[in-house]
Amino acid sequence: TISFFSYNILIAIIMLIPTIMFTAVASLSFIALTRIHNFYRGSGASMSKAQEEWSTGAWKNPHVQAAAQQAAMGAAAGAMQDQFSSPQYNDNQV
């Protein structure tokens, strides 16, 4: 972005906007991740506790089971479709 200032100021300013936005989003993501990590570590949680909670709680929820089943069926249906099929045209279409 800085190199564009020697060519055209307007283009450089236009390029500067997404640069600033990307930097802001990356910074906010880092702050959020750091806060979540500190909250997680401060609560005394561990991966084994999380796995136990998932297996005893969330996975037994019928809504979660139905959502997982639908996601798996959608993924399987998408995998079964031919990725590179050519379109079929009728004789009367141009």
PDB file of N, CA and C in Angstrom:
ATOM      1  N   THR A   1       0.827  -1.191   0.000  1.00  0.00           N
ATOM      2  CA  THR A   1       0.000   0.000   0.000  1.00  0.00           C
ATOM      3  C   THR A   1       0.865   1.246   0.000  1.00  0.00           C
ATOM      4  N   ILE A   2       1.938   1.224   0.736  1.00  0.00           N
ATOM      5  CA  ILE A   2       2.800   2.402   0.816  1.00  0.00           C
ATOM      6  C   ILE A   2       3.423   2.702  -0.539  1.00  0.00           C
ATOM      7  N   SER A   3       3.717   1.680  -1.321  1.00  0.00           N
ATOM      8  CA  SER A   3       4.333   1.912  -2.633  1.00  0.00           C
ATOM      9  C   SER A   3       3.389   2.624  -3.594  1.00  0.00           C
ATOM     10  N   PHE A   4       2.075   2.531  -3.370  1.00  0.00           N
ATOM     11  CA  PHE A   4       1.122   3.201  -4.251  1.00  0.00           C
ATOM     12  C   PHE A   4       1.140   4.718  -4.075  1.00  0.00           C
ATOM     13  N   PHE A   5       1.658   5.239  -2.961  1.00  0.00           N
ATOM     14  CA  PHE A   5       1.699   6.683  -2.752  1.00  0.00           C
ATOM     15  C   PHE A   5       2.606   7.372  -3.765  1.00  0.00           C
ATOM     16  N   SER A   6       3.585   6.681  -4.305  1.00  0.00           N
ATOM     17  CA  SER A   6       4.457   7.303  -5.302  1.00  0.00           C
ATOM     18  C   SER A   6       3.813   7.348  -6.683  1.00  0.00           C
ATOM     19  N   TYR A   7       2.770   6.533  -6.918  1.00  0.00           N
ATOM     20  CA  TYR A   7       2.099   6.520  -8.214  1.00  0.00           C
ATOM     21  C   TYR A   7       0.871   7.418  -8.241  1.00  0.00           C
ATOM     22  N   ASN A   8      -0.042   7.180  -7.315  1.00  0.00           N
ATOM     23  CA  ASN A   8      -1.303   7.907  -7.334  1.00  0.00           C
ATOM     24  C   ASN A   8      -1.842   7.978  -5.906  1.00  0.00           C
ATOM     25  N   ILE A   9      -2.069   9.186  -5.425  1.00  0.00           N
ATOM     26  CA  ILE A   9      -2.514   9.380  -4.045  1.00  0.00           C
ATOM     27  C   ILE A   9      -3.906   8.798  -3.825  1.00  0.00           C
ATOM     28  N   LEU A  10      -4.815   8.989  -4.776  1.00  0.00           N
ATOM     29  CA  LEU A  10      -6.184   8.499  -4.625  1.00  0.00           C
ATOM     30  C   LEU A  10      -6.215   6.973  -4.529  1.00  0.00           C
ATOM     31  N   ILE A  11      -5.472   6.316  -5.397  1.00  0.00           N
ATOM     32  CA  ILE A  11      -5.409   4.854  -5.364  1.00  0.00           C
ATOM     33  C   ILE A  11      -4.770   4.385  -4.057  1.00  0.00           C
ATOM     34  N   ALA A  12      -3.772   5.096  -3.587  1.00  0.00           N
ATOM     35  CA  ALA A  12      -3.119   4.728  -2.334  1.00  0.00           C
ATOM     36  C   ALA A  12      -4.090   4.824  -1.163  1.00  0.00           C
ATOM     37  N   ILE A  13      -4.917   5.854  -1.150  1.00  0.00           N
ATOM     38  CA  ILE A  13      -5.899   5.999  -0.074  1.00  0.00           C
ATOM     39  C   ILE A  13      -6.933   4.880  -0.156  1.00  0.00           C
ATOM     40  N   ILE A  14      -7.356   4.545  -1.375  1.00  0.00           N
ATOM     41  CA  ILE A  14      -8.310   3.443  -1.550  1.00  0.00           C
ATOM     42  C   ILE A  14      -7.692   2.131  -1.076  1.00  0.00           C
ATOM     43  N   MET A  15      -6.424   1.909  -1.361  1.00  0.00           N
ATOM     44  CA  MET A  15      -5.746   0.692  -0.916  1.00  0.00           C
ATOM     45  C   MET A  15      -5.493   0.703   0.589  1.00  0.00           C
ATOM     46  N   LEU A  16      -5.391   1.889   1.165  1.00  0.00           N
ATOM     47  CA  LEU A  16      -5.125   2.009   2.590  1.00  0.00           C
ATOM     48  C   LEU A  16      -6.329   1.586   3.430  1.00  0.00           C
ATOM     49  N   ILE A  17      -7.533   1.781   2.909  1.00  0.00           N
ATOM     50  CA  ILE A  17      -8.749   1.442   3.658  1.00  0.00           C
ATOM     51  C   ILE A  17      -8.811  -0.055   3.978  1.00  0.00           C
ATOM     52  N   PRO A  18      -8.696  -0.973   3.005  1.00  0.00           N
ATOM     53  CA  PRO A  18      -8.731  -2.396   3.380  1.00  0.00           C
ATOM     54  C   PRO A  18      -7.528  -2.825   4.225  1.00  0.00           C
ATOM     55  N   THR A  19      -6.400  -2.151   4.049  1.00  0.00           N
ATOM     56  CA  THR A  19      -5.230  -2.471   4.867  1.00  0.00           C
ATOM     57  C   THR A  19      -5.506  -2.170   6.334  1.00  0.00           C
ATOM     58  N   ILE A  20      -6.085  -1.006   6.585  1.00  0.00           N
ATOM     59  CA  ILE A  20      -6.420  -0.627   7.962  1.00  0.00           C
ATOM     60  C   ILE A  20      -7.498  -1.549   8.517  1.00  0.00           C
ATOM     61  N   MET A  21      -8.492  -1.873   7.696  1.00  0.00           N
ATOM     62  CA  MET A  21      -9.572  -2.745   8.158  1.00  0.00           C
ATOM     63  C   MET A  21      -9.045  -4.144   8.486  1.00  0.00           C
ATOM     64  N   PHE A  22      -8.183  -4.682   7.634  1.00  0.00           N
ATOM     65  CA  PHE A  22      -7.609  -6.001   7.894  1.00  0.00           C
ATOM     66  C   PHE A  22      -6.798  -5.996   9.183  1.00  0.00           C
ATOM     67  N   THR A  23      -6.010  -4.957   9.385  1.00  0.00           N
ATOM     68  CA  THR A  23      -5.210  -4.847  10.602  1.00  0.00           C
ATOM     69  C   THR A  23      -6.105  -4.767  11.834  1.00  0.00           C
ATOM     70  N   ALA A  24      -7.197  -4.014  11.739  1.00  0.00           N
ATOM     71  CA  ALA A  24      -8.124  -3.894  12.867  1.00  0.00           C
ATOM     72  C   ALA A  24      -8.775  -5.235  13.185  1.00  0.00           C
ATOM     73  N   VAL A  25      -9.220  -5.956  12.167  1.00  0.00           N
ATOM     74  CA  VAL A  25      -9.860  -7.253  12.392  1.00  0.00           C
ATOM     75  C   VAL A  25      -8.858  -8.253  12.971  1.00  0.00           C
ATOM     76  N   ALA A  26      -7.647  -8.258  12.468  1.00  0.00           N
ATOM     77  CA  ALA A  26      -6.628  -9.169  12.993  1.00  0.00           C
ATOM     78  C   ALA A  26      -6.313  -8.843  14.453  1.00  0.00           C
ATOM     79  N   SER A  27      -6.223  -7.563  14.778  1.00  0.00           N
ATOM     80  CA  SER A  27      -5.943  -7.160  16.159  1.00  0.00           C
ATOM     81  C   SER A  27      -7.088  -7.544  17.084  1.00  0.00           C
ATOM     82  N   LEU A  28      -8.323  -7.280  16.665  1.00  0.00           N
ATOM     83  CA  LEU A  28      -9.479  -7.630  17.488  1.00  0.00           C
ATOM     84  C   LEU A  28      -9.611  -9.142  17.652  1.00  0.00           C
ATOM     85  N   SER A  29      -9.280  -9.898  16.623  1.00  0.00           N
ATOM     86  CA  SER A  29      -9.316 -11.360  16.723  1.00  0.00           C
ATOM     87  C   SER A  29      -8.287 -11.858  17.729  1.00  0.00           C
ATOM     88  N   PHE A  30      -7.113 -11.263  17.704  1.00  0.00           N
ATOM     89  CA  PHE A  30      -6.076 -11.646  18.666  1.00  0.00           C
ATOM     90  C   PHE A  30      -6.509 -11.320  20.092  1.00  0.00           C
ATOM     91  N   ILE A  31      -7.099 -10.144  20.290  1.00  0.00           N
ATOM     92  CA  ILE A  31      -7.571  -9.760  21.626  1.00  0.00           C
ATOM     93  C   ILE A  31      -8.663 -10.718  22.096  1.00  0.00           C
ATOM     94  N   ALA A  32      -9.612 -11.036  21.210  1.00  0.00           N
ATOM     95  CA  ALA A  32     -10.695 -11.954  21.584  1.00  0.00           C
ATOM     96  C   ALA A  32     -10.144 -13.334  21.917  1.00  0.00           C
ATOM     97  N   LEU A  33      -9.219 -13.830  21.114  1.00  0.00           N
ATOM     98  CA  LEU A  33      -8.627 -15.141  21.368  1.00  0.00           C
ATOM     99  C   LEU A  33      -7.868 -15.161  22.690  1.00  0.00           C
ATOM    100  N   THR A  34      -7.158 -14.089  22.988  1.00  0.00           N
ATOM    101  CA  THR A  34      -6.429 -13.997  24.252  1.00  0.00           C
ATOM    102  C   THR A  34      -7.383 -13.986  25.438  1.00  0.00           C
ATOM    103  N   ARG A  35      -8.472 -13.227  25.327  1.00  0.00           N
ATOM    104  CA  ARG A  35      -9.443 -13.176  26.431  1.00  0.00           C
ATOM    105  C   ARG A  35     -10.124 -14.531  26.632  1.00  0.00           C
ATOM    106  N   ILE A  36     -10.488 -15.186  25.545  1.00  0.00           N
ATOM    107  CA  ILE A  36     -11.120 -16.505  25.657  1.00  0.00           C
ATOM    108  C   ILE A  36     -10.153 -17.505  26.280  1.00  0.00           C
ATOM    109  N   HIS A  37      -8.897 -17.444  25.867  1.00  0.00           N
ATOM    110  CA  HIS A  37      -7.891 -18.348  26.431  1.00  0.00           C
ATOM    111  C   HIS A  37      -7.729 -18.104  27.931  1.00  0.00           C
ATOM    112  N   ASN A  38      -7.651 -16.839  28.335  1.00  0.00           N
ATOM    113  CA  ASN A  38      -7.513 -16.524  29.759  1.00  0.00           C
ATOM    114  C   ASN A  38      -8.747 -16.956  30.544  1.00  0.00           C
ATOM    115  N   PHE A  39      -9.916 -16.759  29.973  1.00  0.00           N
ATOM    116  CA  PHE A  39     -11.151 -17.186  30.633  1.00  0.00           C
ATOM    117  C   PHE A  39     -11.185 -18.703  30.777  1.00  0.00           C
ATOM    118  N   TYR A  40     -10.785 -19.398  29.721  1.00  0.00           N
ATOM    119  CA  TYR A  40     -10.779 -20.864  29.736  1.00  0.00           C
ATOM    120  C   TYR A  40      -9.798 -21.394  30.776  1.00  0.00           C
ATOM    121  N   ARG A  41      -8.602 -20.841  30.806  1.00  0.00           N
ATOM    122  CA  ARG A  41      -7.593 -21.301  31.760  1.00  0.00           C
ATOM    123  C   ARG A  41      -7.958 -20.925  33.187  1.00  0.00           C
ATOM    124  N   GLY A  42      -8.622 -19.790  33.372  1.00  0.00           N
ATOM    125  CA  GLY A  42      -9.007 -19.358  34.707  1.00  0.00           C
ATOM    126  C   GLY A  42     -10.150 -20.157  35.291  1.00  0.00           C
ATOM    127  N   SER A  43     -10.900 -20.847  34.454  1.00  0.00           N
ATOM    128  CA  SER A  43     -12.053 -21.604  34.941  1.00  0.00           C
ATOM    129  C   SER A  43     -11.672 -23.002  35.420  1.00  0.00           C
ATOM    130  N   GLY A  44     -10.432 -23.395  35.245  1.00  0.00           N
ATOM    131  CA  GLY A  44     -10.002 -24.723  35.666  1.00  0.00           C
ATOM    132  C   GLY A  44     -10.390 -25.809  34.685  1.00  0.00           C
ATOM    133  N   ALA A  45     -10.747 -25.430  33.489  1.00  0.00           N
ATOM    134  CA  ALA A  45     -11.169 -26.400  32.482  1.00  0.00           C
ATOM    135  C   ALA A  45      -9.956 -27.080  31.856  1.00  0.00           C
ATOM    136  N   SER A  46     -10.208 -28.243  31.281  1.00  0.00           N
ATOM    137  CA  SER A  46      -9.161 -28.967  30.573  1.00  0.00           C
ATOM    138  C   SER A  46      -9.795 -29.670  29.376  1.00  0.00           C
ATOM    139  N   MET A  47      -8.958 -30.173  28.502  1.00  0.00           N
ATOM    140  CA  MET A  47      -9.477 -30.861  27.316  1.00  0.00           C
ATOM    141  C   MET A  47     -10.229 -32.125  27.705  1.00  0.00           C
ATOM    142  N   SER A  48      -9.752 -32.838  28.710  1.00  0.00           N
ATOM    143  CA  SER A  48     -10.451 -34.065  29.117  1.00  0.00           C
ATOM    144  C   SER A  48     -11.826 -33.739  29.691  1.00  0.00           C
ATOM    145  N   LYS A  49     -11.931 -32.638  30.442  1.00  0.00           N
ATOM    146  CA  LYS A  49     -13.239 -32.231  30.960  1.00  0.00           C
ATOM    147  C   LYS A  49     -14.169 -31.820  29.823  1.00  0.00           C
ATOM    148  N   ALA A  50     -13.621 -31.119  28.838  1.00  0.00           N
ATOM    149  CA  ALA A  50     -14.440 -30.695  27.700  1.00  0.00           C
ATOM    150  C   ALA A  50     -14.928 -31.903  26.906  1.00  0.00           C
ATOM    151  N   GLN A  51     -14.060 -32.886  26.695  1.00  0.00           N
ATOM    152  CA  GLN A  51     -14.469 -34.091  25.975  1.00  0.00           C
ATOM    153  C   GLN A  51     -15.528 -34.861  26.751  1.00  0.00           C
ATOM    154  N   GLU A  52     -15.368 -34.925  28.062  1.00  0.00           N
ATOM    155  CA  GLU A  52     -16.350 -35.622  28.891  1.00  0.00           C
ATOM    156  C   GLU A  52     -17.696 -34.902  28.852  1.00  0.00           C
ATOM    157  N   GLU A  53     -17.654 -33.578  28.935  1.00  0.00           N
ATOM    158  CA  GLU A  53     -18.898 -32.804  28.884  1.00  0.00           C
ATOM    159  C   GLU A  53     -19.595 -32.981  27.538  1.00  0.00           C
ATOM    160  N   TRP A  54     -18.813 -33.002  26.467  1.00  0.00           N
ATOM    161  CA  TRP A  54     -19.398 -33.167  25.137  1.00  0.00           C
ATOM    162  C   TRP A  54     -20.045 -34.542  24.999  1.00  0.00           C
ATOM    163  N   SER A  55     -19.361 -35.571  25.466  1.00  0.00           N
ATOM    164  CA  SER A  55     -19.890 -36.929  25.293  1.00  0.00           C
ATOM    165  C   SER A  55     -21.085 -37.201  26.194  1.00  0.00           C
ATOM    166  N   THR A  56     -21.134 -36.588  27.359  1.00  0.00           N
ATOM    167  CA  THR A  56     -22.252 -36.847  28.267  1.00  0.00           C
ATOM    168  C   THR A  56     -23.391 -35.856  28.103  1.00  0.00           C
ATOM    169  N   GLY A  57     -23.113 -34.673  27.581  1.00  0.00           N
ATOM    170  CA  GLY A  57     -24.154 -33.652  27.532  1.00  0.00           C
ATOM    171  C   GLY A  57     -24.631 -33.314  26.143  1.00  0.00           C
ATOM    172  N   ALA A  58     -23.797 -32.637  25.396  1.00  0.00           N
ATOM    173  CA  ALA A  58     -24.230 -32.063  24.121  1.00  0.00           C
ATOM    174  C   ALA A  58     -24.587 -33.130  23.096  1.00  0.00           C
ATOM    175  N   TRP A  59     -23.811 -34.197  23.024  1.00  0.00           N
ATOM    176  CA  TRP A  59     -24.053 -35.187  21.976  1.00  0.00           C
ATOM    177  C   TRP A  59     -25.342 -35.963  22.213  1.00  0.00           C
ATOM    178  N   LYS A  60     -25.820 -36.013  23.446  1.00  0.00           N
ATOM    179  CA  LYS A  60     -27.067 -36.718  23.732  1.00  0.00           C
ATOM    180  C   LYS A  60     -28.288 -35.853  23.462  1.00  0.00           C
ATOM    181  N   ASN A  61     -28.083 -34.595  23.144  1.00  0.00           N
ATOM    182  CA  ASN A  61     -29.181 -33.689  22.819  1.00  0.00           C
ATOM    183  C   ASN A  61     -29.739 -34.072  21.447  1.00  0.00           C
ATOM    184  N   PRO A  62     -31.059 -34.320  21.319  1.00  0.00           N
ATOM    185  CA  PRO A  62     -31.611 -34.748  20.027  1.00  0.00           C
ATOM    186  C   PRO A  62     -31.465 -33.697  18.930  1.00  0.00           C
ATOM    187  N   HIS A  63     -31.472 -32.417  19.293  1.00  0.00           N
ATOM    188  CA  HIS A  63     -31.297 -31.370  18.282  1.00  0.00           C
ATOM    189  C   HIS A  63     -29.883 -31.401  17.702  1.00  0.00           C
ATOM    190  N   VAL A  64     -28.895 -31.629  18.558  1.00  0.00           N
ATOM    191  CA  VAL A  64     -27.511 -31.724  18.095  1.00  0.00           C
ATOM    192  C   VAL A  64     -27.337 -32.959  17.224  1.00  0.00           C
ATOM    193  N   GLN A  65     -27.941 -34.068  17.619  1.00  0.00           N
ATOM    194  CA  GLN A  65     -27.842 -35.292  16.827  1.00  0.00           C
ATOM    195  C   GLN A  65     -28.481 -35.108  15.454  1.00  0.00           C
ATOM    196  N   ALA A  66     -29.650 -34.461  15.409  1.00  0.00           N
ATOM    197  CA  ALA A  66     -30.328 -34.242  14.125  1.00  0.00           C
ATOM    198  C   ALA A  66     -29.509 -33.319  13.233  1.00  0.00           C
ATOM    199  N   ALA A  67     -28.923 -32.271  13.808  1.00  0.00           N
ATOM    200  CA  ALA A  67     -28.105 -31.350  13.015  1.00  0.00           C
ATOM    201  C   ALA A  67     -26.869 -32.051  12.465  1.00  0.00           C
ATOM    202  N   ALA A  68     -26.231 -32.885  13.277  1.00  0.00           N
ATOM    203  CA  ALA A  68     -25.053 -33.617  12.817  1.00  0.00           C
ATOM    204  C   ALA A  68     -25.417 -34.610  11.726  1.00  0.00           C
ATOM    205  N   GLN A  69     -26.565 -35.262  11.871  1.00  0.00           N
ATOM    206  CA  GLN A  69     -27.004 -36.220  10.862  1.00  0.00           C
ATOM    207  C   GLN A  69     -27.305 -35.514   9.545  1.00  0.00           C
ATOM    208  N   GLN A  70     -27.975 -34.378   9.598  1.00  0.00           N
ATOM    209  CA  GLN A  70     -28.276 -33.636   8.373  1.00  0.00           C
ATOM    210  C   GLN A  70     -27.001 -33.120   7.716  1.00  0.00           C
ATOM    211  N   ALA A  71     -26.041 -32.666   8.519  1.00  0.00           N
ATOM    212  CA  ALA A  71     -24.777 -32.196   7.961  1.00  0.00           C
ATOM    213  C   ALA A  71     -24.033 -33.332   7.274  1.00  0.00           C
ATOM    214  N   ALA A  72     -24.036 -34.510   7.881  1.00  0.00           N
ATOM    215  CA  ALA A  72     -23.360 -35.661   7.280  1.00  0.00           C
ATOM    216  C   ALA A  72     -24.047 -36.086   5.988  1.00  0.00           C
ATOM    217  N   MET A  73     -25.388 -36.079   5.987  1.00  0.00           N
ATOM    218  CA  MET A  73     -26.108 -36.453   4.765  1.00  0.00           C
ATOM    219  C   MET A  73     -25.867 -35.433   3.656  1.00  0.00           C
ATOM    220  N   GLY A  74     -25.809 -34.151   4.006  1.00  0.00           N
ATOM    221  CA  GLY A  74     -25.529 -33.123   3.009  1.00  0.00           C
ATOM    222  C   GLY A  74     -24.132 -33.249   2.436  1.00  0.00           C
ATOM    223  N   ALA A  75     -23.167 -33.564   3.290  1.00  0.00           N
ATOM    224  CA  ALA A  75     -21.793 -33.748   2.820  1.00  0.00           C
ATOM    225  C   ALA A  75     -21.688 -34.964   1.914  1.00  0.00           C
ATOM    226  N   ALA A  76     -22.376 -36.040   2.274  1.00  0.00           N
ATOM    227  CA  ALA A  76     -22.344 -37.246   1.443  1.00  0.00           C
ATOM    228  C   ALA A  76     -23.022 -36.999   0.104  1.00  0.00           C
ATOM    229  N   ALA A  77     -24.148 -36.277   0.107  1.00  0.00           N
ATOM    230  CA  ALA A  77     -24.842 -35.983  -1.147  1.00  0.00           C
ATOM    231  C   ALA A  77     -23.985 -35.095  -2.042  1.00  0.00           C
ATOM    232  N   GLY A  78     -23.285 -34.142  -1.449  1.00  0.00           N
ATOM    233  CA  GLY A  78     -22.402 -33.281  -2.229  1.00  0.00           C
ATOM    234  C   GLY A  78     -21.233 -34.038  -2.814  1.00  0.00           C
ATOM    235  N   ALA A  79     -20.735 -35.028  -2.088  1.00  0.00           N
ATOM    236  CA  ALA A  79     -19.616 -35.825  -2.582  1.00  0.00           C
ATOM    237  C   ALA A  79     -20.039 -36.751  -3.710  1.00  0.00           C
ATOM    238  N   MET A  80     -21.314 -37.138  -3.729  1.00  0.00           N
ATOM    239  CA  MET A  80     -21.805 -38.055  -4.754  1.00  0.00           C
ATOM    240  C   MET A  80     -22.030 -37.358  -6.097  1.00  0.00           C
ATOM    241  N   GLN A  81     -22.205 -36.048  -6.094  1.00  0.00           N
ATOM    242  CA  GLN A  81     -22.461 -35.342  -7.344  1.00  0.00           C
ATOM    243  C   GLN A  81     -21.188 -35.279  -8.175  1.00  0.00           C
ATOM    244  N   ASP A  82     -21.376 -35.348  -9.476  1.00  0.00           N
ATOM    245  CA  ASP A  82     -20.241 -35.257 -10.384  1.00  0.00           C
ATOM    246  C   ASP A  82     -19.759 -33.811 -10.425  1.00  0.00           C
ATOM    247  N   GLN A  83     -18.525 -33.589 -10.069  1.00  0.00           N
ATOM    248  CA  GLN A  83     -17.999 -32.238  -9.972  1.00  0.00           C
ATOM    249  C   GLN A  83     -17.774 -31.593 -11.337  1.00  0.00           C
ATOM    250  N   PHE A  84     -17.463 -32.381 -12.337  1.00  0.00           N
ATOM    251  CA  PHE A  84     -17.071 -31.833 -13.621  1.00  0.00           C
ATOM    252  C   PHE A  84     -17.998 -32.290 -14.743  1.00  0.00           C
ATOM    253  N   SER A  85     -19.273 -32.340 -14.470  1.00  0.00           N
ATOM    254  CA  SER A  85     -20.195 -32.775 -15.513  1.00  0.00           C
ATOM    255  C   SER A  85     -20.441 -31.634 -16.491  1.00  0.00           C
ATOM    256  N   SER A  86     -20.632 -31.982 -17.749  1.00  0.00           N
ATOM    257  CA  SER A  86     -20.921 -30.964 -18.754  1.00  0.00           C
ATOM    258  C   SER A  86     -22.428 -30.750 -18.817  1.00  0.00           C
ATOM    259  N   PRO A  87     -22.864 -29.534 -19.107  1.00  0.00           N
ATOM    260  CA  PRO A  87     -24.305 -29.267 -19.146  1.00  0.00           C
ATOM    261  C   PRO A  87     -24.972 -29.994 -20.307  1.00  0.00           C
ATOM    262  N   GLN A  88     -26.217 -30.383 -20.089  1.00  0.00           N
ATOM    263  CA  GLN A  88     -26.998 -31.066 -21.114  1.00  0.00           C
ATOM    264  C   GLN A  88     -27.913 -30.049 -21.796  1.00  0.00           C
ATOM    265  N   TYR A  89     -27.845 -29.974 -23.120  1.00  0.00           N
ATOM    266  CA  TYR A  89     -28.664 -29.040 -23.878  1.00  0.00           C
ATOM    267  C   TYR A  89     -29.644 -29.818 -24.752  1.00  0.00           C
ATOM    268  N   ASN A  90     -30.842 -29.300 -24.859  1.00  0.00           N
ATOM    269  CA  ASN A  90     -31.815 -29.874 -25.786  1.00  0.00           C
ATOM    270  C   ASN A  90     -31.511 -29.376 -27.188  1.00  0.00           C
ATOM    271  N   ASP A  91     -32.059 -30.051 -28.190  1.00  0.00           N
ATOM    272  CA  ASP A  91     -31.814 -29.654 -29.572  1.00  0.00           C
ATOM    273  C   ASP A  91     -32.433 -28.303 -29.914  1.00  0.00           C
ATOM    274  N   ASN A  92     -33.511 -27.925 -29.244  1.00  0.00           N
ATOM    275  CA  ASN A  92     -34.179 -26.680 -29.600  1.00  0.00           C
ATOM    276  C   ASN A  92     -33.628 -25.475 -28.838  1.00  0.00           C
ATOM    277  N   GLN A  93     -32.621 -25.654 -28.016  1.00  0.00           N
ATOM    278  CA  GLN A  93     -32.014 -24.525 -27.309  1.00  0.00           C
ATOM    279  C   GLN A  93     -30.804 -24.034 -28.075  1.00  0.00           C
ATOM    280  N   VAL A  94     -30.554 -22.751 -27.968  1.00  0.00           N
ATOM    281  CA  VAL A  94     -29.408 -22.161 -28.659  1.00  0.00           C
ATOM    282  C   VAL A  94     -28.242 -22.070 -27.737  1.00  0.00           C
TER     283      VAL A  94
END
